[in-house]
Amino acid sequence: MAALAVVPSPAVTAASLYVIEDELAALIETAELVSAEQEQEFRAEFQAALIVAVDKRDRVGQFLTHLEQQIGFARF
């Protein structure tokens, strides 16, 4: 039997770094407004947003490295 994998929705992976960082900032700014009943759900959402942000930052960094390599190749 094949294992199931969690795949991010296209909306998450297609979002720009700016959008992802804005959403993360909004969560941080509203953290003090979270009630005790909502805290567990908020923590899960915040953790997921952090993971998405870190992954996107890594992909942006990898793409910038790729571009720098392409610039190097073009100079030859």
N, C-alpha and C. Protein backbone atom coordinates (compact mmCIF):
# COMPACT_ATOMS: atom_id res chain seq x y z
N MET A 1 0.85 -1.17 0.00
CA MET A 1 0.00 0.00 0.00
C MET A 1 0.90 1.24 0.00
N ALA A 2 0.59 2.20 -0.83
CA ALA A 2 1.39 3.43 -0.95
C ALA A 2 1.08 4.36 0.22
N ALA A 3 2.12 5.03 0.68
CA ALA A 3 1.94 5.99 1.77
C ALA A 3 1.38 7.29 1.21
N LEU A 4 0.55 7.92 1.99
CA LEU A 4 -0.01 9.20 1.60
C LEU A 4 0.97 10.31 1.95
N ALA A 5 1.02 11.33 1.11
CA ALA A 5 1.90 12.47 1.36
C ALA A 5 1.05 13.73 1.41
N VAL A 6 1.44 14.63 2.28
CA VAL A 6 0.76 15.92 2.36
C VAL A 6 1.41 16.84 1.35
N VAL A 7 0.62 17.36 0.45
CA VAL A 7 1.12 18.26 -0.58
C VAL A 7 0.50 19.63 -0.35
N PRO A 8 1.33 20.68 -0.26
CA PRO A 8 0.77 22.02 -0.06
C PRO A 8 -0.14 22.39 -1.22
N SER A 9 -1.15 23.15 -0.93
CA SER A 9 -2.05 23.57 -1.99
C SER A 9 -1.32 24.51 -2.94
N PRO A 10 -1.72 24.57 -4.21
CA PRO A 10 -1.06 25.47 -5.15
C PRO A 10 -1.09 26.92 -4.69
N ALA A 11 -2.12 27.31 -3.97
CA ALA A 11 -2.21 28.68 -3.49
C ALA A 11 -1.08 29.00 -2.52
N VAL A 12 -0.68 28.03 -1.72
CA VAL A 12 0.40 28.24 -0.76
C VAL A 12 1.74 28.31 -1.48
N THR A 13 1.98 27.39 -2.38
CA THR A 13 3.27 27.35 -3.05
C THR A 13 3.42 28.46 -4.06
N ALA A 14 2.31 28.96 -4.60
CA ALA A 14 2.37 30.02 -5.60
C ALA A 14 2.43 31.41 -4.97
N ALA A 15 2.15 31.51 -3.70
CA ALA A 15 2.16 32.82 -3.03
C ALA A 15 3.57 33.37 -3.02
N SER A 16 3.65 34.68 -3.17
CA SER A 16 4.97 35.31 -3.15
C SER A 16 5.51 35.35 -1.73
N LEU A 17 6.80 35.55 -1.63
CA LEU A 17 7.43 35.66 -0.31
C LEU A 17 6.82 36.83 0.46
N TYR A 18 6.51 37.91 -0.23
CA TYR A 18 5.92 39.08 0.43
C TYR A 18 4.57 38.74 1.06
N VAL A 19 3.74 38.01 0.34
CA VAL A 19 2.42 37.62 0.86
C VAL A 19 2.58 36.71 2.07
N ILE A 20 3.47 35.75 1.97
CA ILE A 20 3.70 34.81 3.08
C ILE A 20 4.21 35.55 4.31
N GLU A 21 5.16 36.47 4.11
CA GLU A 21 5.70 37.24 5.23
C GLU A 21 4.65 38.17 5.83
N ASP A 22 3.78 38.74 5.00
CA ASP A 22 2.69 39.59 5.52
C ASP A 22 1.74 38.79 6.38
N GLU A 23 1.40 37.59 5.93
CA GLU A 23 0.50 36.73 6.71
C GLU A 23 1.14 36.34 8.04
N LEU A 24 2.43 36.05 8.02
CA LEU A 24 3.14 35.71 9.25
C LEU A 24 3.16 36.90 10.20
N ALA A 25 3.42 38.09 9.66
CA ALA A 25 3.43 39.31 10.48
C ALA A 25 2.05 39.57 11.09
N ALA A 26 1.00 39.32 10.32
CA ALA A 26 -0.36 39.51 10.83
C ALA A 26 -0.64 38.56 11.99
N LEU A 27 -0.18 37.33 11.87
CA LEU A 27 -0.37 36.37 12.97
C LEU A 27 0.38 36.84 14.22
N ILE A 28 1.60 37.32 14.03
CA ILE A 28 2.38 37.80 15.17
C ILE A 28 1.69 38.98 15.85
N GLU A 29 1.16 39.89 15.03
CA GLU A 29 0.51 41.09 15.58
C GLU A 29 -0.78 40.77 16.32
N THR A 30 -1.42 39.66 15.99
CA THR A 30 -2.69 39.31 16.63
C THR A 30 -2.53 38.27 17.74
N ALA A 31 -1.32 37.86 18.02
CA ALA A 31 -1.09 36.81 19.01
C ALA A 31 -1.67 37.17 20.38
N GLU A 32 -1.57 38.42 20.76
CA GLU A 32 -2.07 38.84 22.07
C GLU A 32 -3.59 38.83 22.16
N LEU A 33 -4.26 38.78 21.02
CA LEU A 33 -5.73 38.82 21.00
C LEU A 33 -6.36 37.43 21.06
N VAL A 34 -5.54 36.40 21.02
CA VAL A 34 -6.04 35.03 20.98
C VAL A 34 -6.52 34.62 22.37
N SER A 35 -7.75 34.12 22.41
CA SER A 35 -8.30 33.66 23.68
C SER A 35 -7.70 32.32 24.06
N ALA A 36 -7.89 31.95 25.30
CA ALA A 36 -7.37 30.67 25.78
C ALA A 36 -7.99 29.50 25.00
N GLU A 37 -9.26 29.63 24.62
CA GLU A 37 -9.94 28.57 23.87
C GLU A 37 -9.36 28.43 22.46
N GLN A 38 -8.84 29.51 21.90
CA GLN A 38 -8.31 29.51 20.53
C GLN A 38 -6.80 29.29 20.47
N GLU A 39 -6.16 29.21 21.62
CA GLU A 39 -4.70 29.18 21.65
C GLU A 39 -4.11 27.97 20.92
N GLN A 40 -4.66 26.80 21.12
CA GLN A 40 -4.11 25.60 20.47
C GLN A 40 -4.23 25.72 18.95
N GLU A 41 -5.39 26.16 18.48
CA GLU A 41 -5.59 26.33 17.04
C GLU A 41 -4.65 27.41 16.48
N PHE A 42 -4.49 28.49 17.24
CA PHE A 42 -3.59 29.57 16.82
C PHE A 42 -2.15 29.06 16.72
N ARG A 43 -1.72 28.30 17.71
CA ARG A 43 -0.35 27.77 17.71
C ARG A 43 -0.11 26.87 16.49
N ALA A 44 -1.10 26.05 16.16
CA ALA A 44 -0.97 25.17 14.99
C ALA A 44 -0.88 26.00 13.71
N GLU A 45 -1.72 27.01 13.61
CA GLU A 45 -1.71 27.87 12.42
C GLU A 45 -0.39 28.65 12.33
N PHE A 46 0.08 29.13 13.48
CA PHE A 46 1.34 29.87 13.51
C PHE A 46 2.51 28.97 13.12
N GLN A 47 2.54 27.76 13.63
CA GLN A 47 3.60 26.81 13.29
C GLN A 47 3.58 26.50 11.80
N ALA A 48 2.40 26.29 11.24
CA ALA A 48 2.28 26.02 9.81
C ALA A 48 2.77 27.22 9.00
N ALA A 49 2.44 28.44 9.44
CA ALA A 49 2.88 29.63 8.73
C ALA A 49 4.40 29.78 8.79
N LEU A 50 4.99 29.44 9.92
CA LEU A 50 6.45 29.48 10.03
C LEU A 50 7.12 28.49 9.08
N ILE A 51 6.57 27.31 8.99
CA ILE A 51 7.12 26.29 8.10
C ILE A 51 7.03 26.76 6.64
N VAL A 52 5.88 27.31 6.27
CA VAL A 52 5.70 27.80 4.90
C VAL A 52 6.70 28.93 4.62
N ALA A 53 6.88 29.84 5.58
CA ALA A 53 7.81 30.96 5.40
C ALA A 53 9.25 30.48 5.25
N VAL A 54 9.66 29.56 6.08
CA VAL A 54 11.03 29.04 6.01
C VAL A 54 11.25 28.32 4.68
N ASP A 55 10.29 27.51 4.27
CA ASP A 55 10.41 26.80 3.00
C ASP A 55 10.51 27.77 1.83
N LYS A 56 9.68 28.81 1.84
CA LYS A 56 9.70 29.79 0.76
C LYS A 56 11.01 30.55 0.75
N ARG A 57 11.51 30.94 1.93
CA ARG A 57 12.80 31.63 2.00
C ARG A 57 13.90 30.76 1.43
N ASP A 58 13.88 29.47 1.76
CA ASP A 58 14.88 28.55 1.22
C ASP A 58 14.80 28.47 -0.31
N ARG A 59 13.58 28.37 -0.84
CA ARG A 59 13.42 28.29 -2.29
C ARG A 59 13.86 29.57 -2.98
N VAL A 60 13.57 30.72 -2.38
CA VAL A 60 14.02 32.00 -2.95
C VAL A 60 15.55 32.05 -2.94
N GLY A 61 16.16 31.63 -1.86
CA GLY A 61 17.62 31.60 -1.78
C GLY A 61 18.22 30.68 -2.82
N GLN A 62 17.61 29.52 -3.01
CA GLN A 62 18.09 28.58 -4.03
C GLN A 62 17.97 29.18 -5.43
N PHE A 63 16.88 29.89 -5.67
CA PHE A 63 16.69 30.50 -6.98
C PHE A 63 17.72 31.61 -7.21
N LEU A 64 17.99 32.40 -6.18
CA LEU A 64 19.00 33.45 -6.32
C LEU A 64 20.37 32.85 -6.59
N THR A 65 20.69 31.75 -5.94
CA THR A 65 21.95 31.06 -6.21
C THR A 65 21.99 30.58 -7.66
N HIS A 66 20.90 30.04 -8.13
CA HIS A 66 20.80 29.59 -9.52
C HIS A 66 21.04 30.77 -10.47
N LEU A 67 20.42 31.91 -10.19
CA LEU A 67 20.61 33.08 -11.05
C LEU A 67 22.06 33.54 -11.05
N GLU A 68 22.69 33.53 -9.89
CA GLU A 68 24.10 33.91 -9.81
C GLU A 68 24.97 32.96 -10.64
N GLN A 69 24.65 31.67 -10.63
CA GLN A 69 25.39 30.71 -11.44
C GLN A 69 25.17 30.98 -12.93
N GLN A 70 23.95 31.30 -13.29
CA GLN A 70 23.65 31.60 -14.69
C GLN A 70 24.40 32.85 -15.16
N ILE A 71 24.50 33.85 -14.30
CA ILE A 71 25.27 35.05 -14.61
C ILE A 71 26.73 34.68 -14.83
N GLY A 72 27.26 33.83 -13.96
CA GLY A 72 28.64 33.37 -14.11
C GLY A 72 28.87 32.64 -15.42
N PHE A 73 27.93 31.78 -15.80
CA PHE A 73 28.06 31.04 -17.06
C PHE A 73 28.00 31.99 -18.26
N ALA A 74 27.15 33.01 -18.16
CA ALA A 74 26.99 33.95 -19.28
C ALA A 74 28.23 34.80 -19.50
N ARG A 75 29.05 34.96 -18.50
CA ARG A 75 30.27 35.78 -18.62
C ARG A 75 31.33 35.08 -19.44
N PHE A 76 31.25 33.76 -19.59
CA PHE A 76 32.28 33.03 -20.34
C PHE A 76 32.05 33.07 -21.80
